[in-house]
Amino acid sequence: MTPPPAIDVERVDFISVPVTDLTRATAFYESVLGLKRVPGRDTWPEFTIGNVSLYLVDPTQMGRRFEGPHSASIALHVANVAAARADLEERGVAFDGDIFDTGVCHMGFFRDPDGNALMLHHRYAPPAAGAHVT
């Protein structure tokens, strides 16, 4: 059997984040998380972080239903998970449990107002030999 032709995926352009209230979600990502919003993106608020963008999407604007939030965490790299967590807690963000230490990184799990899973993340140990980490 011949394998299918390869596609040349260059990168991830964006991650859609399903929300029910664009105004509330935009305020959370912009004012609470402090992400920089791309100007002029009112229908589909966009936040560019490093090499990828988060797009807030109200599925009903495309004739679809809100099927529920993402359950796989979007990992947001920070220099210090404990300090970033404390700052977000002061802003009213509730975290799901304690900071998790994997032995190579720290993770702090929380959710946006629609329940989308987010994570503060910081790798403190070098990656395994041969692994590609940016």
Protein backbone atom coordinates (compact mmCIF):
# COMPACT_ATOMS: atom_id res chain seq x y z
CA MET A 1 0.00 0.00 0.00
CA THR A 2 1.38 3.39 -0.97
CA PRO A 3 1.38 6.02 1.79
CA PRO A 4 -0.70 9.11 1.12
CA PRO A 5 1.14 12.13 -0.27
CA ALA A 6 2.85 14.16 2.41
CA ILE A 7 1.59 17.62 3.20
CA ASP A 8 4.05 20.32 4.07
CA VAL A 9 2.76 21.74 7.35
CA GLU A 10 4.89 24.76 8.17
CA ARG A 11 3.50 25.78 11.55
CA VAL A 12 0.37 26.18 13.66
CA ASP A 13 -1.21 29.49 12.63
CA PHE A 14 -3.79 29.78 15.40
CA ILE A 15 -5.78 27.98 18.05
CA SER A 16 -9.51 28.64 18.18
CA VAL A 17 -10.86 29.12 21.69
CA PRO A 18 -14.65 28.60 21.80
CA VAL A 19 -16.50 31.13 23.94
CA THR A 20 -20.10 32.08 24.63
CA ASP A 21 -19.57 35.78 25.33
CA LEU A 22 -16.89 37.54 23.24
CA THR A 23 -16.93 40.69 25.37
CA ARG A 24 -16.39 38.80 28.62
CA ALA A 25 -13.77 36.48 27.10
CA THR A 26 -11.89 39.35 25.45
CA ALA A 27 -11.76 41.20 28.78
CA PHE A 28 -10.38 38.08 30.49
CA TYR A 29 -7.62 37.40 27.96
CA GLU A 30 -6.71 41.07 27.59
CA SER A 31 -7.19 42.53 31.06
CA VAL A 32 -6.77 39.55 33.40
CA LEU A 33 -4.12 37.55 31.52
CA GLY A 34 -2.53 40.68 30.05
CA LEU A 35 -2.25 39.30 26.52
CA LYS A 36 -1.77 41.81 23.72
CA ARG A 37 -4.74 41.97 21.39
CA VAL A 38 -4.22 42.41 17.66
CA PRO A 39 -5.86 45.76 16.75
CA GLY A 40 -8.92 45.72 14.49
CA ARG A 41 -10.00 42.16 15.26
CA ASP A 42 -13.43 42.75 16.80
CA THR A 43 -15.46 39.94 15.24
CA TRP A 44 -12.74 37.39 16.00
CA PRO A 45 -10.56 38.78 18.81
CA GLU A 46 -6.98 37.63 18.28
CA PHE A 47 -4.08 37.49 20.70
CA THR A 48 -0.65 36.76 19.25
CA ILE A 49 1.72 35.03 21.66
CA GLY A 50 5.15 34.23 20.28
CA ASN A 51 4.66 32.13 17.17
CA VAL A 52 0.96 31.31 17.53
CA SER A 53 -2.30 33.22 17.93
CA LEU A 54 -5.33 32.52 20.06
CA TYR A 55 -8.61 33.39 18.34
CA LEU A 56 -11.70 33.78 20.48
CA VAL A 57 -14.58 32.29 18.52
CA ASP A 58 -18.29 32.38 19.24
CA PRO A 59 -19.43 29.31 17.27
CA THR A 60 -22.96 30.71 16.94
CA GLN A 61 -21.53 33.41 14.63
CA MET A 62 -20.79 30.59 12.18
CA GLY A 63 -24.14 28.86 12.53
CA ARG A 64 -22.75 26.27 14.95
CA ARG A 65 -23.40 25.41 18.59
CA PHE A 66 -21.07 25.95 21.51
CA GLU A 67 -20.09 22.31 22.04
CA GLY A 68 -18.23 23.06 25.24
CA PRO A 69 -14.81 24.29 26.26
CA HIS A 70 -11.41 22.83 25.38
CA SER A 71 -10.42 20.23 27.94
CA ALA A 72 -6.77 19.94 26.83
CA SER A 73 -4.83 22.81 28.38
CA ILE A 74 -3.32 25.57 26.30
CA ALA A 75 0.13 25.94 27.88
CA LEU A 76 1.17 29.57 28.42
CA HIS A 77 4.91 29.85 29.00
CA VAL A 78 5.91 32.10 31.91
CA ALA A 79 9.25 32.72 33.61
CA ASN A 80 7.95 31.73 37.06
CA VAL A 81 4.75 29.73 37.52
CA ALA A 82 4.38 30.53 41.24
CA ALA A 83 4.75 34.29 40.71
CA ALA A 84 2.41 34.33 37.72
CA ARG A 85 -0.12 32.24 39.63
CA ALA A 86 -0.03 34.61 42.61
CA ASP A 87 -0.59 37.57 40.29
CA LEU A 88 -3.56 35.89 38.59
CA GLU A 89 -5.04 34.83 41.92
CA GLU A 90 -4.95 38.50 42.98
CA ARG A 91 -6.96 39.20 39.82
CA GLY A 92 -9.59 36.65 40.83
CA VAL A 93 -8.45 33.60 38.85
CA ALA A 94 -9.09 30.28 40.61
CA PHE A 95 -6.60 27.47 40.02
CA ASP A 96 -7.34 23.74 39.78
CA GLY A 97 -5.12 22.35 42.53
CA ASP A 98 -1.54 23.08 43.48
CA ILE A 99 1.36 23.76 41.15
CA PHE A 100 2.33 20.47 39.55
CA ASP A 101 6.04 19.62 39.30
CA THR A 102 6.80 16.96 36.68
CA GLY A 103 10.51 16.82 37.47
CA VAL A 104 11.32 18.95 34.42
CA CYS A 105 8.65 21.65 34.51
CA HIS A 106 6.12 23.44 36.70
CA MET A 107 2.46 23.70 35.68
CA GLY A 108 -0.46 25.62 37.16
CA PHE A 109 -3.91 24.75 35.80
CA PHE A 110 -6.86 27.14 35.54
CA ARG A 111 -9.80 27.94 33.25
CA ASP A 112 -11.17 30.92 31.37
CA PRO A 113 -14.74 32.14 32.04
CA ASP A 114 -16.14 29.56 29.57
CA GLY A 115 -14.21 26.69 31.15
CA ASN A 116 -11.46 26.40 28.53
CA ALA A 117 -8.45 24.69 30.11
CA LEU A 118 -5.34 26.86 30.43
CA MET A 119 -2.00 26.25 32.07
CA LEU A 120 0.91 28.35 33.25
CA HIS A 121 4.03 26.44 32.23
CA HIS A 122 7.76 26.69 32.79
CA ARG A 123 10.39 24.10 31.88
CA TYR A 124 13.28 24.30 34.36
CA ALA A 125 15.29 21.25 33.30
CA PRO A 126 16.95 20.67 29.94
CA PRO A 127 14.97 18.57 27.47
CA ALA A 128 15.94 14.99 26.82
CA ALA A 129 18.68 14.40 24.28
CA GLY A 130 17.33 14.81 20.76
CA ALA A 131 14.13 16.58 21.81
CA HIS A 132 13.21 19.81 20.04
CA VAL A 133 12.10 22.49 22.47
CA THR A 134 11.87 26.19 21.74
